[in-house]
Protein backbone atom coordinates (compact mmCIF):
# COMPACT_ATOMS: atom_id res chain seq x y z
CA MET A 1 0.00 0.00 0.00
CA SER A 2 1.38 3.43 -0.92
CA ALA A 3 1.84 6.33 1.47
CA PRO A 4 -0.90 8.94 1.46
CA ARG A 5 -0.35 11.84 -0.94
CA LEU A 6 0.55 15.06 0.92
CA THR A 7 -0.65 18.37 -0.54
CA ILE A 8 -1.01 21.94 0.66
CA ARG A 9 -3.93 24.09 -0.47
CA ALA A 10 -5.47 27.43 0.43
CA ALA A 11 -8.75 27.60 2.32
CA VAL A 12 -11.69 28.87 0.28
CA PRO A 13 -14.95 30.59 1.23
CA GLY A 14 -17.34 28.07 2.73
CA GLU A 15 -14.62 26.36 4.79
CA GLU A 16 -14.86 28.69 7.80
CA SER A 17 -16.34 25.94 9.98
CA LEU A 18 -13.43 23.65 9.08
CA VAL A 19 -10.95 26.39 10.00
CA LEU A 20 -12.79 26.92 13.28
CA ARG A 21 -12.65 23.18 14.02
CA PHE A 22 -8.86 23.25 13.64
CA ILE A 23 -8.66 26.38 15.82
CA ARG A 24 -10.69 24.61 18.51
CA ASP A 25 -8.53 21.48 18.26
CA LEU A 26 -5.40 23.62 18.67
CA ALA A 27 -6.92 25.49 21.61
CA GLU A 28 -7.78 22.17 23.28
CA TYR A 29 -4.18 20.99 22.81
CA GLU A 30 -2.88 24.28 24.24
CA ARG A 31 -5.29 24.07 27.20
CA LEU A 32 -6.98 27.29 26.06
CA ALA A 33 -10.30 25.98 24.73
CA ASP A 34 -12.32 28.32 26.93
CA GLN A 35 -10.77 31.31 25.13
CA VAL A 36 -12.10 30.50 21.65
CA VAL A 37 -15.01 32.83 20.90
CA ALA A 38 -14.56 33.14 17.12
CA THR A 39 -17.49 32.23 14.90
CA PRO A 40 -17.59 31.08 11.27
CA GLN A 41 -18.95 34.55 10.43
CA ASP A 42 -15.96 36.20 12.14
CA LEU A 43 -13.61 33.99 10.17
CA HIS A 44 -15.40 34.64 6.88
CA LYS A 45 -15.00 38.38 7.32
CA ALA A 46 -11.36 38.11 8.47
CA LEU A 47 -10.26 35.63 5.79
CA PHE A 48 -12.46 36.45 2.79
CA GLY A 49 -14.00 39.88 3.45
CA PRO A 50 -13.26 43.11 1.58
CA ARG A 51 -9.99 43.49 3.52
CA PRO A 52 -8.63 40.05 4.39
CA TYR A 53 -6.55 40.13 7.54
CA ALA A 54 -5.22 36.58 7.48
CA GLU A 55 -4.87 33.52 5.27
CA VAL A 56 -5.22 29.79 5.88
CA VAL A 57 -3.64 26.82 4.18
CA PHE A 58 -4.51 23.20 4.83
CA GLY A 59 -2.14 20.25 4.89
CA CYS A 60 -4.00 17.36 3.28
CA LEU A 61 -3.38 13.63 3.13
CA ASP A 62 -5.13 12.13 0.13
CA GLU A 63 -7.01 15.44 -0.21
CA ARG A 64 -8.39 15.27 3.36
CA PRO A 65 -7.37 18.28 5.51
CA VAL A 66 -5.41 17.01 8.54
CA GLY A 67 -3.56 20.18 9.49
CA PHE A 68 -3.71 23.92 9.04
CA ALA A 69 -1.68 27.09 9.25
CA LEU A 70 -3.21 30.53 9.79
CA PHE A 71 -0.88 33.44 8.99
CA PHE A 72 -0.68 37.10 8.07
CA HIS A 73 1.89 39.65 6.94
CA ASN A 74 4.04 41.63 9.32
CA PHE A 75 6.85 44.09 8.61
CA SER A 76 10.44 44.46 9.79
CA THR A 77 11.46 48.11 10.01
CA PHE A 78 15.09 47.07 10.54
CA LEU A 79 15.13 45.03 7.33
CA GLY A 80 12.71 47.27 5.44
CA LYS A 81 10.86 44.17 4.26
CA PRO A 82 7.66 42.28 4.96
CA GLY A 83 7.49 38.90 6.57
CA ILE A 84 4.91 36.34 7.54
CA TYR A 85 3.70 35.76 11.07
CA LEU A 86 2.37 32.26 11.71
CA GLU A 87 -0.45 32.63 14.22
CA ASP A 88 -1.55 28.99 14.35
CA LEU A 89 -0.14 25.66 13.21
CA PHE A 90 -1.86 22.42 14.09
CA VAL A 91 -1.82 18.85 12.80
CA LEU A 92 -4.36 16.29 13.94
CA PRO A 93 -2.72 13.75 16.30
CA ALA A 94 -3.47 10.82 13.97
CA ALA A 95 -1.60 12.57 11.13
CA ARG A 96 1.50 13.57 13.08
CA GLY A 97 4.74 12.07 11.85
CA ALA A 98 3.57 12.10 8.21
CA GLY A 99 5.42 15.33 7.38
CA VAL A 100 2.35 17.59 7.39
CA GLY A 101 3.74 20.16 9.85
CA LYS A 102 7.05 20.40 8.01
CA ALA A 103 5.23 20.69 4.67
CA LEU A 104 3.07 23.53 6.00
CA LEU A 105 6.11 25.40 7.33
CA SER A 106 8.04 24.76 4.13
CA HIS A 107 5.10 26.17 2.14
CA LEU A 108 5.08 29.30 4.34
CA ALA A 109 8.86 29.71 3.96
CA ARG A 110 8.48 29.61 0.15
CA LEU A 111 5.53 32.00 0.31
CA THR A 112 7.55 34.40 2.48
CA LEU A 113 10.35 34.48 -0.10
CA GLU A 114 7.99 34.65 -3.11
CA ARG A 115 6.30 37.69 -1.54
CA GLY A 116 9.62 39.46 -0.98
CA GLY A 117 9.68 38.68 2.72
CA ALA A 118 12.74 38.40 4.90
CA ARG A 119 11.55 36.24 7.78
CA LEU A 120 8.93 33.86 9.11
CA ASP A 121 8.01 34.37 12.77
CA TRP A 122 5.81 32.56 15.27
CA SER A 123 5.39 31.99 19.00
CA VAL A 124 5.18 28.76 20.95
CA LEU A 125 4.07 28.14 24.52
CA ASP A 126 7.05 27.58 26.84
CA TRP A 127 5.77 24.18 27.99
CA ASN A 128 5.24 22.82 24.47
CA GLU A 129 8.49 20.84 24.28
CA PRO A 130 7.41 18.58 21.37
CA SER A 131 6.80 21.63 19.16
CA ILE A 132 9.94 23.43 20.36
CA GLY A 133 12.01 20.37 19.51
CA PHE A 134 10.37 20.09 16.10
CA TYR A 135 11.02 23.76 15.30
CA ARG A 136 14.67 23.42 16.30
CA THR A 137 15.11 20.51 13.85
CA LEU A 138 14.02 22.90 11.10
CA GLY A 139 16.70 25.43 12.05
CA ALA A 140 14.39 27.84 13.89
CA VAL A 141 15.87 29.68 16.84
CA PRO A 142 14.06 31.03 19.91
CA LEU A 143 14.24 34.76 20.56
CA ASP A 144 14.92 34.52 24.27
CA ASP A 145 15.65 38.25 24.58
CA TRP A 146 12.07 39.21 23.67
CA THR A 147 8.91 39.20 25.76
CA VAL A 148 5.53 39.14 24.04
CA PHE A 149 3.03 41.74 25.24
CA ARG A 150 -0.69 41.84 24.55
CA LEU A 151 -3.35 44.48 25.03
CA SER A 152 -6.96 43.35 24.66
CA GLY A 153 -10.44 43.71 26.12
CA PRO A 154 -10.93 46.52 28.64
CA GLY A 155 -7.24 47.50 28.57
CA LEU A 156 -7.34 47.96 24.80
CA ALA A 157 -10.55 50.01 25.02
CA GLN A 158 -9.14 52.14 27.84
CA LEU A 159 -5.96 52.95 25.94
CA ALA A 160 -7.94 53.73 22.79
CA GLN A 161 -9.80 56.39 24.79
CA ALA A 162 -6.66 57.84 26.39
CA GLN A 163 -5.91 61.50 25.90
CA GLY A 164 -2.74 62.86 24.42
CA GLY A 165 -2.59 61.19 21.02
CA PRO A 166 -2.59 63.17 17.76
CA GLY A 167 -6.00 64.60 16.96
CA ARG A 168 -7.35 63.81 20.46
CA ARG A 169 -8.49 66.56 22.84
């Protein structure tokens, strides 16, 4: 029996529920399932609306999606070039070891270069040793000198209303 055929393809409108299923599976793995509030409608607008904010590709075995990567463009002021930020990467447990994760990352590396980008960035939870080990085998290096910050919810709203910015009185 031959090995399953591995392909990478872009998500298309109508697959928002599939994307959300992968997001939920990833969140469950990361012990963050209670934080997923996205809806298929949110994803449709973000991925396929008038101003797409992100893209999704699926890793498929024999045309069946078994993994996904959600990404968007960022920009390096130091390099003066764009890059790609990988927000989510997940492969179903039953499909791990078949090269799907590496194929998805390889696809994003090619896409980064094809689009004139200089780097591919992502974050990983500190406790996720299997993923950290996998990324190291690909030649990725951790940026130990950097700390990720986030502003959301009430803090984001409060800062948005703060005085002192241009055009604010």
